[in-house]
Amino acid sequence: MTDKKLQEPMHIFISLLALIDLSLSSSVIPKALTILWFDCNTITIAGCLTQTYVLYTMLGLQSSLFALMSFDRYVAICHPLRHSTIMSRSFMVKSVAIIASRSLLLTCPLTVLVARLCYGNVNIIYHSYCDYVEVMKLACGDLTPVIIYMVFLVCIYQGGDNSLIFFSYVQILRVVSMLKSPQARWRFLNTCSSHAILLLLFYMSSSIPFYLFICAPDSPLYVKTIVEVLSLFLLPMINPIVYGAKTKEIQEGLRRLYWRTVLL
């Protein structure tokens, strides 16, 4: 925000990703630390639902932001002369407002449906944070409406966002394959490397818990807990490291910030 040389669309997307990572970690880490440090392993119903709402909202917003970042790379490589026109400030504001509103609004009905379920006497969640699936396991009523809406959310987020990501990278690879110079190919692919690495880490962190749930349901509880917690802790920590190491402009911006701080 303070560096005028870091005002390109991708830099703004990176800053938004950092805010999402902070919100995602902040929704899980404080409660996990109170459990580990103080053995405070209780939570109110309102607190549990609030945690799940923030968690799923941030995950949906992160997925949509990755799709926007892939579209920005597509425009930058396939339509470089029109990049500043297409990825204008107006488009940036509208697109970010749309994906933020979509995540905030689409997660609300799921929270309401889970809150209206009937629960029995068992109120133990074998996890370090609240999750809709874990909360639903405690319910006694009909889960069909909740399951249908969760499938709808998966189709909206995974279907829509992944389609845009797939389209963008297919077009990028098509343009790069037409280049004759190996140096030019490497230069264009290098502009997408940071985003591609984060996408790989994002889908790995999402798929490993799902794989354990489907293919290894009898695996020890501590294995499931460690995998799911690390999937939420490591990715927000790795994201800024990857972009800081791969993006030259950010490296130079950090150097300018460091020298301004030293001189003050």
C-alpha atoms as a PDB file:
ATOM      1  CA  MET A   1       0.000   0.000   0.000  1.00  0.00           C
ATOM      2  CA  THR A   2       2.873   2.390   0.715  1.00  0.00           C
ATOM      3  CA  ASP A   3       5.099   1.372  -2.203  1.00  0.00           C
ATOM      4  CA  LYS A   4       3.985   2.909  -5.500  1.00  0.00           C
ATOM      5  CA  LYS A   5       6.040   0.362  -7.456  1.00  0.00           C
ATOM      6  CA  LEU A   6       3.938  -2.473  -6.040  1.00  0.00           C
ATOM      7  CA  GLN A   7       0.549  -1.401  -7.361  1.00  0.00           C
ATOM      8  CA  GLU A   8       0.163  -3.893 -10.211  1.00  0.00           C
ATOM      9  CA  PRO A   9      -2.873  -6.240 -10.155  1.00  0.00           C
ATOM     10  CA  MET A  10      -0.797  -9.278  -9.179  1.00  0.00           C
ATOM     11  CA  HIS A  11       0.770  -7.365  -6.278  1.00  0.00           C
ATOM     12  CA  ILE A  12      -2.680  -6.393  -5.043  1.00  0.00           C
ATOM     13  CA  PHE A  13      -3.818 -10.008  -5.319  1.00  0.00           C
ATOM     14  CA  ILE A  14      -0.782 -11.092  -3.297  1.00  0.00           C
ATOM     15  CA  SER A  15      -1.617  -8.577  -0.556  1.00  0.00           C
ATOM     16  CA  LEU A  16      -5.220  -9.834  -0.467  1.00  0.00           C
ATOM     17  CA  LEU A  17      -3.936 -13.400  -0.254  1.00  0.00           C
ATOM     18  CA  ALA A  18      -1.825 -12.381   2.752  1.00  0.00           C
ATOM     19  CA  LEU A  19      -4.909 -10.901   4.458  1.00  0.00           C
ATOM     20  CA  ILE A  20      -6.875 -14.091   3.765  1.00  0.00           C
ATOM     21  CA  ASP A  21      -4.031 -16.198   5.155  1.00  0.00           C
ATOM     22  CA  LEU A  22      -3.951 -14.088   8.321  1.00  0.00           C
ATOM     23  CA  SER A  23      -7.732 -14.396   8.741  1.00  0.00           C
ATOM     24  CA  LEU A  24      -7.622 -18.142   8.068  1.00  0.00           C
ATOM     25  CA  SER A  25      -4.878 -18.742  10.611  1.00  0.00           C
ATOM     26  CA  SER A  26      -6.439 -16.406  13.162  1.00  0.00           C
ATOM     27  CA  SER A  27      -9.685 -18.379  13.057  1.00  0.00           C
ATOM     28  CA  VAL A  28      -7.927 -21.627  14.047  1.00  0.00           C
ATOM     29  CA  ILE A  29      -4.579 -20.990  15.776  1.00  0.00           C
ATOM     30  CA  PRO A  30      -5.747 -19.092  18.935  1.00  0.00           C
ATOM     31  CA  LYS A  31      -8.148 -21.849  19.979  1.00  0.00           C
ATOM     32  CA  ALA A  32      -5.619 -24.558  19.138  1.00  0.00           C
ATOM     33  CA  LEU A  33      -3.017 -22.820  21.310  1.00  0.00           C
ATOM     34  CA  THR A  34      -5.402 -22.512  24.273  1.00  0.00           C
ATOM     35  CA  ILE A  35      -6.023 -26.266  24.020  1.00  0.00           C
ATOM     36  CA  LEU A  36      -2.297 -27.060  23.937  1.00  0.00           C
ATOM     37  CA  TRP A  37      -1.164 -24.553  26.543  1.00  0.00           C
ATOM     38  CA  PHE A  38      -4.058 -24.331  29.033  1.00  0.00           C
ATOM     39  CA  ASP A  39      -6.066 -27.511  28.332  1.00  0.00           C
ATOM     40  CA  CYS A  40      -9.060 -25.265  27.659  1.00  0.00           C
ATOM     41  CA  ASN A  41     -10.909 -27.651  25.365  1.00  0.00           C
ATOM     42  CA  THR A  42     -14.431 -26.222  25.517  1.00  0.00           C
ATOM     43  CA  ILE A  43     -16.185 -23.792  23.189  1.00  0.00           C
ATOM     44  CA  THR A  44     -19.654 -22.284  23.057  1.00  0.00           C
ATOM     45  CA  ILE A  45     -22.102 -23.131  20.297  1.00  0.00           C
ATOM     46  CA  ALA A  46     -21.956 -19.558  18.985  1.00  0.00           C
ATOM     47  CA  GLY A  47     -18.169 -19.606  19.058  1.00  0.00           C
ATOM     48  CA  CYS A  48     -18.044 -22.941  17.238  1.00  0.00           C
ATOM     49  CA  LEU A  49     -20.406 -21.788  14.476  1.00  0.00           C
ATOM     50  CA  THR A  50     -18.541 -18.484  14.147  1.00  0.00           C
ATOM     51  CA  GLN A  51     -15.245 -20.323  13.747  1.00  0.00           C
ATOM     52  CA  THR A  52     -16.639 -22.622  11.051  1.00  0.00           C
ATOM     53  CA  TYR A  53     -18.225 -19.676   9.238  1.00  0.00           C
ATOM     54  CA  VAL A  54     -14.977 -17.680   9.145  1.00  0.00           C
ATOM     55  CA  LEU A  55     -12.973 -20.771   8.197  1.00  0.00           C
ATOM     56  CA  TYR A  56     -15.151 -21.774   5.248  1.00  0.00           C
ATOM     57  CA  THR A  57     -15.602 -18.173   4.101  1.00  0.00           C
ATOM     58  CA  MET A  58     -11.839 -17.667   3.956  1.00  0.00           C
ATOM     59  CA  LEU A  59     -11.289 -20.991   2.175  1.00  0.00           C
ATOM     60  CA  GLY A  60     -13.890 -20.059  -0.448  1.00  0.00           C
ATOM     61  CA  LEU A  61     -12.393 -16.597  -0.848  1.00  0.00           C
ATOM     62  CA  GLN A  62      -8.918 -18.106  -1.216  1.00  0.00           C
ATOM     63  CA  SER A  63     -10.137 -20.428  -3.967  1.00  0.00           C
ATOM     64  CA  SER A  64     -11.759 -17.527  -5.844  1.00  0.00           C
ATOM     65  CA  LEU A  65      -8.662 -15.363  -5.459  1.00  0.00           C
ATOM     66  CA  PHE A  66      -6.474 -18.084  -6.972  1.00  0.00           C
ATOM     67  CA  ALA A  67      -8.848 -18.120  -9.948  1.00  0.00           C
ATOM     68  CA  LEU A  68      -8.531 -14.334 -10.341  1.00  0.00           C
ATOM     69  CA  MET A  69      -4.743 -14.598 -10.138  1.00  0.00           C
ATOM     70  CA  SER A  70      -4.712 -17.237 -12.885  1.00  0.00           C
ATOM     71  CA  PHE A  71      -6.894 -14.981 -15.050  1.00  0.00           C
ATOM     72  CA  ASP A  72      -4.441 -12.116 -14.510  1.00  0.00           C
ATOM     73  CA  ARG A  73      -1.559 -14.356 -15.661  1.00  0.00           C
ATOM     74  CA  TYR A  74      -3.615 -15.387 -18.700  1.00  0.00           C
ATOM     75  CA  VAL A  75      -4.216 -11.767 -19.708  1.00  0.00           C
ATOM     76  CA  ALA A  76      -0.586 -10.802 -19.051  1.00  0.00           C
ATOM     77  CA  ILE A  77       0.783 -13.578 -21.283  1.00  0.00           C
ATOM     78  CA  CYS A  78      -1.917 -14.042 -23.929  1.00  0.00           C
ATOM     79  CA  HIS A  79      -3.018 -10.394 -24.271  1.00  0.00           C
ATOM     80  CA  PRO A  80      -0.085  -8.311 -22.962  1.00  0.00           C
ATOM     81  CA  LEU A  81      -1.031  -5.142 -24.862  1.00  0.00           C
ATOM     82  CA  ARG A  82      -4.516  -5.154 -23.331  1.00  0.00           C
ATOM     83  CA  HIS A  83      -3.467  -6.078 -19.795  1.00  0.00           C
ATOM     84  CA  SER A  84      -3.701  -2.580 -18.352  1.00  0.00           C
ATOM     85  CA  THR A  85      -7.091  -2.087 -20.024  1.00  0.00           C
ATOM     86  CA  ILE A  86      -8.640  -5.396 -18.946  1.00  0.00           C
ATOM     87  CA  MET A  87      -7.111  -5.541 -15.468  1.00  0.00           C
ATOM     88  CA  SER A  88      -8.051  -1.953 -14.665  1.00  0.00           C
ATOM     89  CA  ARG A  89      -8.568  -0.626 -11.157  1.00  0.00           C
ATOM     90  CA  SER A  90     -12.324  -0.632 -11.725  1.00  0.00           C
ATOM     91  CA  PHE A  91     -12.227  -4.304 -12.703  1.00  0.00           C
ATOM     92  CA  MET A  92     -10.060  -5.093  -9.671  1.00  0.00           C
ATOM     93  CA  VAL A  93     -12.458  -3.423  -7.248  1.00  0.00           C
ATOM     94  CA  LYS A  94     -15.531  -5.044  -8.786  1.00  0.00           C
ATOM     95  CA  SER A  95     -14.017  -8.526  -9.000  1.00  0.00           C
ATOM     96  CA  VAL A  96     -12.742  -8.476  -5.420  1.00  0.00           C
ATOM     97  CA  ALA A  97     -16.104  -7.152  -4.195  1.00  0.00           C
ATOM     98  CA  ILE A  98     -17.922  -9.932  -6.072  1.00  0.00           C
ATOM     99  CA  ILE A  99     -15.814 -12.814  -4.759  1.00  0.00           C
ATOM    100  CA  ALA A 100     -15.876 -11.411  -1.203  1.00  0.00           C
ATOM    101  CA  SER A 101     -19.671 -10.981  -1.288  1.00  0.00           C
ATOM    102  CA  ARG A 102     -20.102 -14.436  -2.789  1.00  0.00           C
ATOM    103  CA  SER A 103     -18.052 -16.092  -0.065  1.00  0.00           C
ATOM    104  CA  LEU A 104     -19.740 -14.161   2.743  1.00  0.00           C
ATOM    105  CA  LEU A 105     -23.271 -14.785   1.475  1.00  0.00           C
ATOM    106  CA  LEU A 106     -22.975 -18.396   0.300  1.00  0.00           C
ATOM    107  CA  THR A 107     -21.563 -19.598   3.625  1.00  0.00           C
ATOM    108  CA  CYS A 108     -24.440 -18.054   5.654  1.00  0.00           C
ATOM    109  CA  PRO A 109     -27.138 -20.622   4.700  1.00  0.00           C
ATOM    110  CA  LEU A 110     -24.804 -23.492   5.566  1.00  0.00           C
ATOM    111  CA  THR A 111     -24.207 -22.030   9.038  1.00  0.00           C
ATOM    112  CA  VAL A 112     -27.958 -21.553   9.550  1.00  0.00           C
ATOM    113  CA  LEU A 113     -28.733 -25.114   8.433  1.00  0.00           C
ATOM    114  CA  VAL A 114     -26.118 -26.584  10.771  1.00  0.00           C
ATOM    115  CA  ALA A 115     -27.333 -24.409  13.669  1.00  0.00           C
ATOM    116  CA  ARG A 116     -30.934 -25.647  13.201  1.00  0.00           C
ATOM    117  CA  LEU A 117     -30.002 -29.340  13.406  1.00  0.00           C
ATOM    118  CA  CYS A 118     -31.087 -31.373  16.412  1.00  0.00           C
ATOM    119  CA  TYR A 119     -28.254 -32.505  18.670  1.00  0.00           C
ATOM    120  CA  GLY A 120     -28.135 -35.217  21.308  1.00  0.00           C
ATOM    121  CA  ASN A 121     -26.211 -35.495  24.543  1.00  0.00           C
ATOM    122  CA  VAL A 122     -22.868 -36.179  22.856  1.00  0.00           C
ATOM    123  CA  ASN A 123     -21.030 -32.880  22.415  1.00  0.00           C
ATOM    124  CA  ILE A 124     -17.417 -33.931  21.885  1.00  0.00           C
ATOM    125  CA  ILE A 125     -15.568 -32.936  18.698  1.00  0.00           C
ATOM    126  CA  TYR A 126     -12.372 -34.909  18.198  1.00  0.00           C
ATOM    127  CA  HIS A 127     -10.577 -32.014  16.612  1.00  0.00           C
ATOM    128  CA  SER A 128      -8.643 -28.893  17.559  1.00  0.00           C
ATOM    129  CA  TYR A 129     -11.104 -26.616  15.753  1.00  0.00           C
ATOM    130  CA  CYS A 130     -14.752 -26.648  14.745  1.00  0.00           C
ATOM    131  CA  ASP A 131     -15.603 -27.980  11.314  1.00  0.00           C
ATOM    132  CA  TYR A 132     -19.022 -28.373   9.711  1.00  0.00           C
ATOM    133  CA  VAL A 133     -18.454 -32.071   9.063  1.00  0.00           C
ATOM    134  CA  GLU A 134     -17.373 -32.710  12.667  1.00  0.00           C
ATOM    135  CA  VAL A 135     -20.343 -30.746  14.024  1.00  0.00           C
ATOM    136  CA  MET A 136     -22.751 -32.625  11.740  1.00  0.00           C
ATOM    137  CA  LYS A 137     -21.539 -35.929  13.200  1.00  0.00           C
ATOM    138  CA  LEU A 138     -23.125 -34.874  16.511  1.00  0.00           C
ATOM    139  CA  ALA A 139     -26.535 -34.187  14.953  1.00  0.00           C
ATOM    140  CA  CYS A 140     -29.495 -36.541  15.316  1.00  0.00           C
ATOM    141  CA  GLY A 141     -31.855 -35.124  12.696  1.00  0.00           C
ATOM    142  CA  ASP A 142     -32.053 -35.326   8.917  1.00  0.00           C
ATOM    143  CA  LEU A 143     -28.794 -34.175   7.335  1.00  0.00           C
ATOM    144  CA  THR A 144     -30.032 -34.239   3.732  1.00  0.00           C
ATOM    145  CA  PRO A 145     -30.545 -30.430   3.332  1.00  0.00           C
ATOM    146  CA  VAL A 146     -27.088 -29.713   4.743  1.00  0.00           C
ATOM    147  CA  ILE A 147     -25.396 -32.311   2.555  1.00  0.00           C
ATOM    148  CA  ILE A 148     -27.197 -31.058  -0.561  1.00  0.00           C
ATOM    149  CA  TYR A 149     -26.116 -27.479   0.149  1.00  0.00           C
ATOM    150  CA  MET A 150     -22.516 -28.556   0.812  1.00  0.00           C
ATOM    151  CA  VAL A 151     -22.464 -30.350  -2.563  1.00  0.00           C
ATOM    152  CA  PHE A 152     -23.847 -27.155  -4.115  1.00  0.00           C
ATOM    153  CA  LEU A 153     -21.027 -25.124  -2.581  1.00  0.00           C
ATOM    154  CA  VAL A 154     -18.429 -27.588  -3.856  1.00  0.00           C
ATOM    155  CA  CYS A 155     -19.865 -27.292  -7.368  1.00  0.00           C
ATOM    156  CA  ILE A 156     -19.871 -23.492  -7.184  1.00  0.00           C
ATOM    157  CA  TYR A 157     -16.360 -23.088  -5.826  1.00  0.00           C
ATOM    158  CA  GLN A 158     -14.511 -26.078  -7.223  1.00  0.00           C
ATOM    159  CA  GLY A 159     -16.434 -26.163 -10.495  1.00  0.00           C
ATOM    160  CA  GLY A 160     -16.380 -22.438 -11.241  1.00  0.00           C
ATOM    161  CA  ASP A 161     -12.936 -21.548  -9.909  1.00  0.00           C
ATOM    162  CA  ASN A 162     -11.204 -24.644 -11.250  1.00  0.00           C
ATOM    163  CA  SER A 163     -12.759 -24.121 -14.680  1.00  0.00           C
ATOM    164  CA  LEU A 164     -11.324 -20.607 -14.863  1.00  0.00           C
ATOM    165  CA  ILE A 165      -7.914 -21.806 -13.644  1.00  0.00           C
ATOM    166  CA  PHE A 166      -7.903 -24.694 -16.135  1.00  0.00           C
ATOM    167  CA  PHE A 167      -8.911 -22.413 -19.022  1.00  0.00           C
ATOM    168  CA  SER A 168      -6.267 -19.835 -18.125  1.00  0.00           C
ATOM    169  CA  TYR A 169      -3.394 -22.303 -17.952  1.00  0.00           C
ATOM    170  CA  VAL A 170      -4.443 -24.142 -21.102  1.00  0.00           C
ATOM    171  CA  GLN A 171      -4.327 -20.843 -22.989  1.00  0.00           C
ATOM    172  CA  ILE A 172      -1.012 -19.902 -21.366  1.00  0.00           C
ATOM    173  CA  LEU A 173       0.577 -23.225 -22.357  1.00  0.00           C
ATOM    174  CA  ARG A 174      -0.817 -22.853 -25.871  1.00  0.00           C
ATOM    175  CA  VAL A 175       0.790 -19.424 -26.300  1.00  0.00           C
ATOM    176  CA  VAL A 176       4.076 -20.509 -24.718  1.00  0.00           C
ATOM    177  CA  SER A 177       4.295 -23.598 -26.945  1.00  0.00           C
ATOM    178  CA  MET A 178       4.114 -21.341 -30.012  1.00  0.00           C
ATOM    179  CA  LEU A 179       7.235 -19.408 -28.975  1.00  0.00           C
ATOM    180  CA  LYS A 180      10.405 -20.449 -30.771  1.00  0.00           C
ATOM    181  CA  SER A 181      12.930 -19.060 -28.311  1.00  0.00           C
ATOM    182  CA  PRO A 182      13.648 -21.255 -25.245  1.00  0.00           C
ATOM    183  CA  GLN A 183      14.562 -18.115 -23.301  1.00  0.00           C
ATOM    184  CA  ALA A 184      11.188 -16.549 -24.090  1.00  0.00           C
ATOM    185  CA  ARG A 185       9.374 -19.732 -23.053  1.00  0.00           C
ATOM    186  CA  TRP A 186      11.240 -19.839 -19.768  1.00  0.00           C
ATOM    187  CA  ARG A 187      10.586 -16.149 -19.105  1.00  0.00           C
ATOM    188  CA  PHE A 188       6.831 -16.531 -19.616  1.00  0.00           C
ATOM    189  CA  LEU A 189       6.623 -19.731 -17.586  1.00  0.00           C
ATOM    190  CA  ASN A 190       8.631 -18.139 -14.788  1.00  0.00           C
ATOM    191  CA  THR A 191       5.968 -15.428 -14.444  1.00  0.00           C
ATOM    192  CA  CYS A 192       3.458 -18.174 -13.583  1.00  0.00           C
ATOM    193  CA  SER A 193       5.723 -20.315 -11.419  1.00  0.00           C
ATOM    194  CA  SER A 194       4.820 -18.727  -8.060  1.00  0.00           C
ATOM    195  CA  HIS A 195       1.114 -19.022  -8.727  1.00  0.00           C
ATOM    196  CA  ALA A 196       1.489 -22.594  -9.991  1.00  0.00           C
ATOM    197  CA  ILE A 197       3.433 -23.598  -6.856  1.00  0.00           C
ATOM    198  CA  LEU A 198       0.769 -22.131  -4.570  1.00  0.00           C
ATOM    199  CA  LEU A 199      -1.990 -23.843  -6.541  1.00  0.00           C
ATOM    200  CA  LEU A 200      -0.192 -27.160  -6.160  1.00  0.00           C
ATOM    201  CA  LEU A 201       0.220 -26.642  -2.410  1.00  0.00           C
ATOM    202  CA  PHE A 202      -3.407 -25.505  -2.065  1.00  0.00           C
ATOM    203  CA  TYR A 203      -4.820 -28.583  -3.786  1.00  0.00           C
ATOM    204  CA  MET A 204      -2.424 -30.904  -1.969  1.00  0.00           C
ATOM    205  CA  SER A 205      -3.450 -29.507   1.408  1.00  0.00           C
ATOM    206  CA  SER A 206      -7.114 -29.884   0.452  1.00  0.00           C
ATOM    207  CA  SER A 207      -6.868 -33.347  -1.074  1.00  0.00           C
ATOM    208  CA  ILE A 208      -4.782 -35.142   1.586  1.00  0.00           C
ATOM    209  CA  PRO A 209      -7.426 -34.837   4.369  1.00  0.00           C
ATOM    210  CA  PHE A 210     -10.096 -35.845   1.835  1.00  0.00           C
ATOM    211  CA  TYR A 211      -7.983 -38.842   0.807  1.00  0.00           C
ATOM    212  CA  LEU A 212      -7.664 -39.948   4.437  1.00  0.00           C
ATOM    213  CA  PHE A 213     -11.408 -39.545   4.936  1.00  0.00           C
ATOM    214  CA  ILE A 214     -12.276 -41.650   1.871  1.00  0.00           C
ATOM    215  CA  CYS A 215      -9.431 -44.160   1.521  1.00  0.00           C
ATOM    216  CA  ALA A 216      -8.183 -44.511   5.089  1.00  0.00           C
ATOM    217  CA  PRO A 217     -11.154 -43.937   7.416  1.00  0.00           C
ATOM    218  CA  ASP A 218      -9.622 -46.193  10.091  1.00  0.00           C
ATOM    219  CA  SER A 219      -6.348 -44.272  10.311  1.00  0.00           C
ATOM    220  CA  PRO A 220      -5.423 -43.101  13.850  1.00  0.00           C
ATOM    221  CA  LEU A 221      -7.131 -39.973  15.100  1.00  0.00           C
ATOM    222  CA  TYR A 222      -3.848 -38.166  15.734  1.00  0.00           C
ATOM    223  CA  VAL A 223      -2.815 -38.707  12.096  1.00  0.00           C
ATOM    224  CA  LYS A 224      -6.037 -37.126  10.813  1.00  0.00           C
ATOM    225  CA  THR A 225      -5.727 -34.239  13.261  1.00  0.00           C
ATOM    226  CA  ILE A 226      -2.094 -33.496  12.419  1.00  0.00           C
ATOM    227  CA  VAL A 227      -2.738 -33.612   8.666  1.00  0.00           C
ATOM    228  CA  GLU A 228      -5.790 -31.358   8.815  1.00  0.00           C
ATOM    229  CA  VAL A 229      -4.187 -28.841  11.181  1.00  0.00           C
ATOM    230  CA  LEU A 230      -0.980 -28.656   9.155  1.00  0.00           C
ATOM    231  CA  SER A 231      -3.011 -28.133   5.966  1.00  0.00           C
ATOM    232  CA  LEU A 232      -4.410 -24.960   7.551  1.00  0.00           C
ATOM    233  CA  PHE A 233      -1.194 -23.836   9.260  1.00  0.00           C
ATOM    234  CA  LEU A 234       1.528 -24.481   6.698  1.00  0.00           C
ATOM    235  CA  LEU A 235      -0.078 -23.021   3.565  1.00  0.00           C
ATOM    236  CA  PRO A 236      -0.633 -19.516   5.033  1.00  0.00           C
ATOM    237  CA  MET A 237       2.996 -19.594   6.199  1.00  0.00           C
ATOM    238  CA  ILE A 238       4.373 -20.803   2.857  1.00  0.00           C
ATOM    239  CA  ASN A 239       2.400 -18.418   0.607  1.00  0.00           C
ATOM    240  CA  PRO A 240       4.349 -15.207   1.447  1.00  0.00           C
ATOM    241  CA  ILE A 241       7.652 -17.114   1.413  1.00  0.00           C
ATOM    242  CA  VAL A 242       7.004 -18.419  -2.106  1.00  0.00           C
ATOM    243  CA  TYR A 243       5.970 -15.036  -3.475  1.00  0.00           C
ATOM    244  CA  GLY A 244       8.730 -13.237  -1.598  1.00  0.00           C
ATOM    245  CA  ALA A 245      11.331 -15.592  -3.044  1.00  0.00           C
ATOM    246  CA  LYS A 246       9.967 -15.724  -6.588  1.00  0.00           C
ATOM    247  CA  THR A 247       8.830 -12.147  -7.203  1.00  0.00           C
ATOM    248  CA  LYS A 248      11.679  -9.740  -7.917  1.00  0.00           C
ATOM    249  CA  GLU A 249       9.541  -6.629  -7.376  1.00  0.00           C
ATOM    250  CA  ILE A 250       8.594  -7.759  -3.881  1.00  0.00           C
ATOM    251  CA  GLN A 251      12.225  -8.472  -3.024  1.00  0.00           C
ATOM    252  CA  GLU A 252      13.185  -4.981  -4.116  1.00  0.00           C
ATOM    253  CA  GLY A 253      10.237  -3.515  -2.197  1.00  0.00           C
ATOM    254  CA  LEU A 254      11.377  -5.278   0.976  1.00  0.00           C
ATOM    255  CA  ARG A 255      14.880  -3.888   0.476  1.00  0.00           C
ATOM    256  CA  ARG A 256      13.508  -0.348   0.079  1.00  0.00           C
ATOM    257  CA  LEU A 257      11.379  -0.821   3.207  1.00  0.00           C
ATOM    258  CA  TYR A 258      14.378  -2.104   5.132  1.00  0.00           C
ATOM    259  CA  TRP A 259      16.594   0.840   4.180  1.00  0.00           C
ATOM    260  CA  ARG A 260      13.832   3.370   4.930  1.00  0.00           C
ATOM    261  CA  THR A 261      13.450   1.779   8.374  1.00  0.00           C
ATOM    262  CA  VAL A 262      17.218   1.804   8.995  1.00  0.00           C
ATOM    263  CA  LEU A 263      17.569   5.422   7.923  1.00  0.00           C
ATOM    264  CA  LEU A 264      14.735   6.474  10.214  1.00  0.00           C
END
